[in-house]
Amino acid sequence: MPNALVLVGEIGRPHGVRGLVRLRSFTADPAAIASYGPLSDEGGGRRFVLEWLGNGLARIEGVEDRDAAARLTGLRLYVPRDRLPPPGPGEFYLVDLIGLAAEDEAGVPLGTVRAVEDFGAGAFLTLSDGGEERLIPFTELAVPVVDIPGGRIVVRVPEERVIRPEEEAEAGLSPQPPRALPRRREGAEPRAAAARGAAARGGARERRR
């Protein structure tokens, strides 16, 4: 996805009266956000040239006073994917995962990666087969193969086990009809974000464990 826009930062509240803003940088090195050239809004129609001042502060070209800075509060900043450095070995830009075909270890299609979510405990892939959707943790255990050039990922589908009424009764739960639940498996830690490189959230680089 060379022309995809990757989220790299978000403008916060004004700082002072001369147009400075607080800036939340999603790059591994916060100062790197100013090194990718003009950034844009999500639609790509507005351009912003930043000067990183350190300590979470930035100057935006053309923004000269507090009122102008306040109008930009909450604006997310994006950079074209092809401006970012290539990922290192075992690293992936999350935006590159969107649209990949997913299959299980036997080669059975599971759908495609519709989105990448991060709720604070690591990245999850949303797989869609056109009807149902499922969340898969982006871990080495759950996604052992990521083949960007081949346009696919291999997903290790969690094993299922039946929770029987007597087990629920022993646990002090109200008896329910037997149902299949994913079995928790050891080693399912989320893949840690890469220690270097650009972007977070939709554009984060993830290093496989």
C-alpha atoms as a PDB file:
ATOM      1  CA  MET A   1       0.000   0.000   0.000  1.00  0.00           C
ATOM      2  CA  PRO A   2       2.603   2.578  -1.077  1.00  0.00           C
ATOM      3  CA  ASN A   3       0.125   5.467  -1.317  1.00  0.00           C
ATOM      4  CA  ALA A   4      -1.733   4.755   1.923  1.00  0.00           C
ATOM      5  CA  LEU A   5      -1.800   7.496   4.527  1.00  0.00           C
ATOM      6  CA  VAL A   6      -0.263   6.496   7.841  1.00  0.00           C
ATOM      7  CA  LEU A   7      -1.206   8.153  11.112  1.00  0.00           C
ATOM      8  CA  VAL A   8       1.872   9.676  12.750  1.00  0.00           C
ATOM      9  CA  GLY A   9       0.574  12.223  15.243  1.00  0.00           C
ATOM     10  CA  GLU A  10      -2.214  14.275  16.744  1.00  0.00           C
ATOM     11  CA  ILE A  11      -2.315  17.977  17.543  1.00  0.00           C
ATOM     12  CA  GLY A  12      -3.190  18.823  21.121  1.00  0.00           C
ATOM     13  CA  ARG A  13      -4.155  22.050  22.821  1.00  0.00           C
ATOM     14  CA  PRO A  14      -2.410  25.393  22.229  1.00  0.00           C
ATOM     15  CA  HIS A  15       0.662  26.342  24.231  1.00  0.00           C
ATOM     16  CA  GLY A  16       1.096  30.023  24.914  1.00  0.00           C
ATOM     17  CA  VAL A  17      -0.176  32.820  22.696  1.00  0.00           C
ATOM     18  CA  ARG A  18       2.142  32.584  19.698  1.00  0.00           C
ATOM     19  CA  GLY A  19       0.656  29.583  17.939  1.00  0.00           C
ATOM     20  CA  LEU A  20       2.647  26.762  19.479  1.00  0.00           C
ATOM     21  CA  VAL A  21       0.818  23.485  20.037  1.00  0.00           C
ATOM     22  CA  ARG A  22       1.224  20.389  22.075  1.00  0.00           C
ATOM     23  CA  LEU A  23       1.841  17.504  19.729  1.00  0.00           C
ATOM     24  CA  ARG A  24       1.362  13.817  20.382  1.00  0.00           C
ATOM     25  CA  SER A  25       3.879  12.081  18.146  1.00  0.00           C
ATOM     26  CA  PHE A  26       3.300   8.424  17.320  1.00  0.00           C
ATOM     27  CA  THR A  27       6.769   7.886  15.863  1.00  0.00           C
ATOM     28  CA  ALA A  28       9.259   5.827  17.873  1.00  0.00           C
ATOM     29  CA  ASP A  29      11.498   8.902  17.983  1.00  0.00           C
ATOM     30  CA  PRO A  30       9.026  11.749  18.625  1.00  0.00           C
ATOM     31  CA  ALA A  31      11.199  14.242  16.740  1.00  0.00           C
ATOM     32  CA  ALA A  32      11.021  12.104  13.585  1.00  0.00           C
ATOM     33  CA  ILE A  33       7.494  13.315  12.923  1.00  0.00           C
ATOM     34  CA  ALA A  34       8.960  16.538  11.511  1.00  0.00           C
ATOM     35  CA  SER A  35      11.374  14.717   9.189  1.00  0.00           C
ATOM     36  CA  TYR A  36       8.907  13.215   6.716  1.00  0.00           C
ATOM     37  CA  GLY A  37       8.071  16.450   4.925  1.00  0.00           C
ATOM     38  CA  PRO A  38       4.641  18.102   4.934  1.00  0.00           C
ATOM     39  CA  LEU A  39       1.994  16.106   6.771  1.00  0.00           C
ATOM     40  CA  SER A  40      -1.682  16.058   5.885  1.00  0.00           C
ATOM     41  CA  ASP A  41      -5.087  15.601   7.430  1.00  0.00           C
ATOM     42  CA  GLU A  42      -6.942  12.318   6.955  1.00  0.00           C
ATOM     43  CA  GLY A  43      -8.454  13.425   3.664  1.00  0.00           C
ATOM     44  CA  GLY A  44      -5.121  14.569   2.289  1.00  0.00           C
ATOM     45  CA  GLY A  45      -6.481  18.009   1.420  1.00  0.00           C
ATOM     46  CA  ARG A  46      -4.624  20.095   4.025  1.00  0.00           C
ATOM     47  CA  ARG A  47      -0.853  20.272   4.448  1.00  0.00           C
ATOM     48  CA  PHE A  48       1.095  21.009   7.604  1.00  0.00           C
ATOM     49  CA  VAL A  49       4.808  21.733   7.969  1.00  0.00           C
ATOM     50  CA  LEU A  50       6.046  21.119  11.502  1.00  0.00           C
ATOM     51  CA  GLU A  51       9.026  22.187  13.539  1.00  0.00           C
ATOM     52  CA  TRP A  52       9.594  19.913  16.518  1.00  0.00           C
ATOM     53  CA  LEU A  53      10.599  21.924  19.584  1.00  0.00           C
ATOM     54  CA  GLY A  54      10.963  19.092  22.068  1.00  0.00           C
ATOM     55  CA  ASN A  55       9.034  18.259  25.227  1.00  0.00           C
ATOM     56  CA  GLY A  56       5.896  17.554  23.214  1.00  0.00           C
ATOM     57  CA  LEU A  57       5.742  21.014  21.633  1.00  0.00           C
ATOM     58  CA  ALA A  58       5.724  21.968  17.960  1.00  0.00           C
ATOM     59  CA  ARG A  59       5.429  24.983  15.723  1.00  0.00           C
ATOM     60  CA  ILE A  60       3.196  24.702  12.648  1.00  0.00           C
ATOM     61  CA  GLU A  61       4.023  26.856   9.656  1.00  0.00           C
ATOM     62  CA  GLY A  62       1.401  29.581   9.198  1.00  0.00           C
ATOM     63  CA  VAL A  63      -0.093  29.232  12.678  1.00  0.00           C
ATOM     64  CA  GLU A  64       0.768  32.496  14.423  1.00  0.00           C
ATOM     65  CA  ASP A  65      -1.617  32.848  17.367  1.00  0.00           C
ATOM     66  CA  ARG A  66      -3.479  30.890  19.995  1.00  0.00           C
ATOM     67  CA  ASP A  67      -6.841  31.067  18.231  1.00  0.00           C
ATOM     68  CA  ALA A  68      -5.427  29.536  15.044  1.00  0.00           C
ATOM     69  CA  ALA A  69      -3.719  26.842  17.088  1.00  0.00           C
ATOM     70  CA  ALA A  70      -6.927  26.083  19.001  1.00  0.00           C
ATOM     71  CA  ARG A  71      -8.785  25.401  15.755  1.00  0.00           C
ATOM     72  CA  LEU A  72      -6.392  22.527  15.065  1.00  0.00           C
ATOM     73  CA  THR A  73      -6.868  20.787  18.416  1.00  0.00           C
ATOM     74  CA  GLY A  74      -7.550  17.099  17.906  1.00  0.00           C
ATOM     75  CA  LEU A  75      -6.475  17.078  14.268  1.00  0.00           C
ATOM     76  CA  ARG A  76      -4.708  13.868  13.276  1.00  0.00           C
ATOM     77  CA  LEU A  77      -1.645  14.067  11.067  1.00  0.00           C
ATOM     78  CA  TYR A  78      -0.762  11.594   8.319  1.00  0.00           C
ATOM     79  CA  VAL A  79       2.141  10.851   6.008  1.00  0.00           C
ATOM     80  CA  PRO A  80       2.137   8.848   2.752  1.00  0.00           C
ATOM     81  CA  ARG A  81       3.296   5.289   3.338  1.00  0.00           C
ATOM     82  CA  ASP A  82       6.063   5.529   0.742  1.00  0.00           C
ATOM     83  CA  ARG A  83       7.857   8.253   2.749  1.00  0.00           C
ATOM     84  CA  LEU A  84       8.465   5.920   5.672  1.00  0.00           C
ATOM     85  CA  PRO A  85      11.677   3.900   6.047  1.00  0.00           C
ATOM     86  CA  PRO A  86      11.455   0.183   5.234  1.00  0.00           C
ATOM     87  CA  PRO A  87      10.680  -2.050   8.223  1.00  0.00           C
ATOM     88  CA  GLY A  88      13.482  -4.134   9.677  1.00  0.00           C
ATOM     89  CA  PRO A  89      13.591  -7.933   9.863  1.00  0.00           C
ATOM     90  CA  GLY A  90      10.535  -9.285  11.646  1.00  0.00           C
ATOM     91  CA  GLU A  91       8.848  -5.860  11.620  1.00  0.00           C
ATOM     92  CA  PHE A  92       5.650  -4.862   9.857  1.00  0.00           C
ATOM     93  CA  TYR A  93       3.788  -1.634   9.315  1.00  0.00           C
ATOM     94  CA  LEU A  94       0.275  -2.382  10.491  1.00  0.00           C
ATOM     95  CA  VAL A  95      -1.187  -0.528   7.532  1.00  0.00           C
ATOM     96  CA  ASP A  96       0.481  -3.077   5.244  1.00  0.00           C
ATOM     97  CA  LEU A  97      -1.532  -5.869   6.853  1.00  0.00           C
ATOM     98  CA  ILE A  98      -4.900  -4.448   5.807  1.00  0.00           C
ATOM     99  CA  GLY A  99      -6.310  -6.294   2.833  1.00  0.00           C
ATOM    100  CA  LEU A 100      -4.123  -9.391   3.195  1.00  0.00           C
ATOM    101  CA  ALA A 101      -5.834 -12.737   2.692  1.00  0.00           C
ATOM    102  CA  ALA A 102      -6.005 -14.880   5.829  1.00  0.00           C
ATOM    103  CA  GLU A 103      -5.918 -18.660   5.874  1.00  0.00           C
ATOM    104  CA  ASP A 104      -5.468 -21.312   8.516  1.00  0.00           C
ATOM    105  CA  GLU A 105      -2.531 -23.692   8.694  1.00  0.00           C
ATOM    106  CA  ALA A 106      -4.318 -26.124   6.373  1.00  0.00           C
ATOM    107  CA  GLY A 107      -4.781 -23.429   3.739  1.00  0.00           C
ATOM    108  CA  VAL A 108      -8.507 -22.943   4.379  1.00  0.00           C
ATOM    109  CA  PRO A 109      -9.510 -19.299   3.647  1.00  0.00           C
ATOM    110  CA  LEU A 110     -10.607 -17.274   6.681  1.00  0.00           C
ATOM    111  CA  GLY A 111     -11.316 -13.982   4.937  1.00  0.00           C
ATOM    112  CA  THR A 112      -9.219 -10.846   4.726  1.00  0.00           C
ATOM    113  CA  VAL A 113      -7.720  -8.404   7.216  1.00  0.00           C
ATOM    114  CA  ARG A 114     -10.281  -5.620   7.323  1.00  0.00           C
ATOM    115  CA  ALA A 115      -8.674  -3.522  10.056  1.00  0.00           C
ATOM    116  CA  VAL A 116      -5.997  -3.430  12.726  1.00  0.00           C
ATOM    117  CA  GLU A 117      -7.107  -2.406  16.209  1.00  0.00           C
ATOM    118  CA  ASP A 118      -5.126  -1.620  19.334  1.00  0.00           C
ATOM    119  CA  PHE A 119      -7.071  -1.396  22.586  1.00  0.00           C
ATOM    120  CA  GLY A 120      -3.971  -0.940  24.718  1.00  0.00           C
ATOM    121  CA  ALA A 121      -2.978  -4.600  25.106  1.00  0.00           C
ATOM    122  CA  GLY A 122      -1.372  -5.010  21.702  1.00  0.00           C
ATOM    123  CA  ALA A 123      -2.572  -5.115  18.120  1.00  0.00           C
ATOM    124  CA  PHE A 124      -5.502  -7.243  16.977  1.00  0.00           C
ATOM    125  CA  LEU A 125      -6.396  -8.091  13.397  1.00  0.00           C
ATOM    126  CA  THR A 126     -10.044  -7.921  12.380  1.00  0.00           C
ATOM    127  CA  LEU A 127     -10.724 -10.707   9.884  1.00  0.00           C
ATOM    128  CA  SER A 128     -13.825 -10.541   7.709  1.00  0.00           C
ATOM    129  CA  ASP A 129     -15.197 -13.165   5.360  1.00  0.00           C
ATOM    130  CA  GLY A 130     -17.955 -10.901   4.076  1.00  0.00           C
ATOM    131  CA  GLY A 131     -20.274 -11.854   6.915  1.00  0.00           C
ATOM    132  CA  GLU A 132     -18.874 -12.711  10.307  1.00  0.00           C
ATOM    133  CA  GLU A 133     -15.828 -10.993  11.761  1.00  0.00           C
ATOM    134  CA  ARG A 134     -13.294 -12.264  14.258  1.00  0.00           C
ATOM    135  CA  LEU A 135     -10.495 -10.644  16.247  1.00  0.00           C
ATOM    136  CA  ILE A 136      -7.091 -12.307  16.147  1.00  0.00           C
ATOM    137  CA  PRO A 137      -4.217 -11.138  18.389  1.00  0.00           C
ATOM    138  CA  PHE A 138      -1.237 -10.122  16.284  1.00  0.00           C
ATOM    139  CA  THR A 139       1.225 -12.428  18.017  1.00  0.00           C
ATOM    140  CA  GLU A 140       3.803 -14.879  16.764  1.00  0.00           C
ATOM    141  CA  LEU A 141       1.667 -17.694  18.138  1.00  0.00           C
ATOM    142  CA  ALA A 142      -1.626 -16.619  16.596  1.00  0.00           C
ATOM    143  CA  VAL A 143      -0.180 -15.365  13.283  1.00  0.00           C
ATOM    144  CA  PRO A 144       2.930 -17.452  12.596  1.00  0.00           C
ATOM    145  CA  VAL A 145       3.277 -16.392   8.941  1.00  0.00           C
ATOM    146  CA  VAL A 146       3.098 -12.858   7.558  1.00  0.00           C
ATOM    147  CA  ASP A 147       3.786 -12.833   3.832  1.00  0.00           C
ATOM    148  CA  ILE A 148       3.433  -9.228   2.674  1.00  0.00           C
ATOM    149  CA  PRO A 149       4.763  -9.838  -0.889  1.00  0.00           C
ATOM    150  CA  GLY A 150       2.493 -12.880  -1.198  1.00  0.00           C
ATOM    151  CA  GLY A 151      -0.499 -10.946   0.101  1.00  0.00           C
ATOM    152  CA  ARG A 152      -1.397 -13.390   2.866  1.00  0.00           C
ATOM    153  CA  ILE A 153      -1.133 -14.303   6.517  1.00  0.00           C
ATOM    154  CA  VAL A 154      -1.466 -17.691   8.181  1.00  0.00           C
ATOM    155  CA  VAL A 155      -3.617 -17.774  11.309  1.00  0.00           C
ATOM    156  CA  ARG A 156      -3.421 -20.461  13.936  1.00  0.00           C
ATOM    157  CA  VAL A 157      -7.091 -20.790  14.868  1.00  0.00           C
ATOM    158  CA  PRO A 158      -7.532 -21.236  18.658  1.00  0.00           C
ATOM    159  CA  GLU A 159      -8.498 -24.687  19.847  1.00  0.00           C
ATOM    160  CA  GLU A 160     -11.962 -25.063  21.289  1.00  0.00           C
ATOM    161  CA  ARG A 161     -13.097 -26.910  24.367  1.00  0.00           C
ATOM    162  CA  VAL A 162     -16.551 -27.570  25.741  1.00  0.00           C
ATOM    163  CA  ILE A 163     -17.480 -26.070  29.102  1.00  0.00           C
ATOM    164  CA  ARG A 164     -19.851 -28.590  30.669  1.00  0.00           C
ATOM    165  CA  PRO A 165     -22.608 -27.724  33.188  1.00  0.00           C
ATOM    166  CA  GLU A 166     -20.876 -29.598  36.027  1.00  0.00           C
ATOM    167  CA  GLU A 167     -17.726 -27.517  35.483  1.00  0.00           C
ATOM    168  CA  GLU A 168     -19.771 -24.333  35.699  1.00  0.00           C
ATOM    169  CA  ALA A 169     -21.461 -25.580  38.854  1.00  0.00           C
ATOM    170  CA  GLU A 170     -18.076 -26.291  40.469  1.00  0.00           C
ATOM    171  CA  ALA A 171     -17.005 -22.769  39.582  1.00  0.00           C
ATOM    172  CA  GLY A 172     -20.156 -21.325  41.134  1.00  0.00           C
ATOM    173  CA  LEU A 173     -21.649 -20.289  37.805  1.00  0.00           C
ATOM    174  CA  SER A 174     -25.231 -20.711  36.681  1.00  0.00           C
ATOM    175  CA  PRO A 175     -25.548 -23.818  34.489  1.00  0.00           C
ATOM    176  CA  GLN A 176     -25.684 -22.976  30.795  1.00  0.00           C
ATOM    177  CA  PRO A 177     -25.952 -25.143  27.696  1.00  0.00           C
ATOM    178  CA  PRO A 178     -22.542 -26.527  26.615  1.00  0.00           C
ATOM    179  CA  ARG A 179     -20.657 -24.080  24.438  1.00  0.00           C
ATOM    180  CA  ALA A 180     -17.291 -23.943  22.735  1.00  0.00           C
ATOM    181  CA  LEU A 181     -14.798 -21.349  23.899  1.00  0.00           C
ATOM    182  CA  PRO A 182     -11.272 -20.554  22.705  1.00  0.00           C
ATOM    183  CA  ARG A 183      -8.676 -22.201  24.912  1.00  0.00           C
ATOM    184  CA  ARG A 184      -6.135 -19.847  26.415  1.00  0.00           C
ATOM    185  CA  ARG A 185      -2.710 -20.772  25.135  1.00  0.00           C
ATOM    186  CA  GLU A 186       0.660 -19.899  26.605  1.00  0.00           C
ATOM    187  CA  GLY A 187       2.937 -17.636  24.632  1.00  0.00           C
ATOM    188  CA  ALA A 188       0.188 -15.428  23.263  1.00  0.00           C
ATOM    189  CA  GLU A 189       1.825 -12.172  24.252  1.00  0.00           C
ATOM    190  CA  PRO A 190       1.146  -9.304  21.840  1.00  0.00           C
ATOM    191  CA  ARG A 191       3.947  -8.491  19.465  1.00  0.00           C
ATOM    192  CA  ALA A 192       5.810  -5.544  20.940  1.00  0.00           C
ATOM    193  CA  ALA A 193       6.027  -2.323  18.986  1.00  0.00           C
ATOM    194  CA  ALA A 194       9.310  -1.844  17.203  1.00  0.00           C
ATOM    195  CA  ALA A 195      11.873   0.178  19.095  1.00  0.00           C
ATOM    196  CA  ARG A 196      12.626   2.359  16.075  1.00  0.00           C
ATOM    197  CA  GLY A 197      10.886   3.711  13.008  1.00  0.00           C
ATOM    198  CA  ALA A 198       7.742   5.600  12.250  1.00  0.00           C
ATOM    199  CA  ALA A 199       4.129   5.657  13.147  1.00  0.00           C
ATOM    200  CA  ALA A 200       1.796   4.150  15.626  1.00  0.00           C
ATOM    201  CA  ARG A 201      -1.796   2.953  15.642  1.00  0.00           C
ATOM    202  CA  GLY A 202      -2.687   2.396  11.997  1.00  0.00           C
ATOM    203  CA  GLY A 203       0.913   2.735  10.917  1.00  0.00           C
ATOM    204  CA  ALA A 204       2.808   1.159  13.769  1.00  0.00           C
ATOM    205  CA  ARG A 205       5.643  -1.184  13.089  1.00  0.00           C
ATOM    206  CA  GLU A 206       5.315  -4.382  15.048  1.00  0.00           C
ATOM    207  CA  ARG A 207       8.220  -6.724  15.794  1.00  0.00           C
ATOM    208  CA  ARG A 208       7.441 -10.424  15.907  1.00  0.00           C
ATOM    209  CA  ARG A 209       8.342 -12.259  19.138  1.00  0.00           C
END
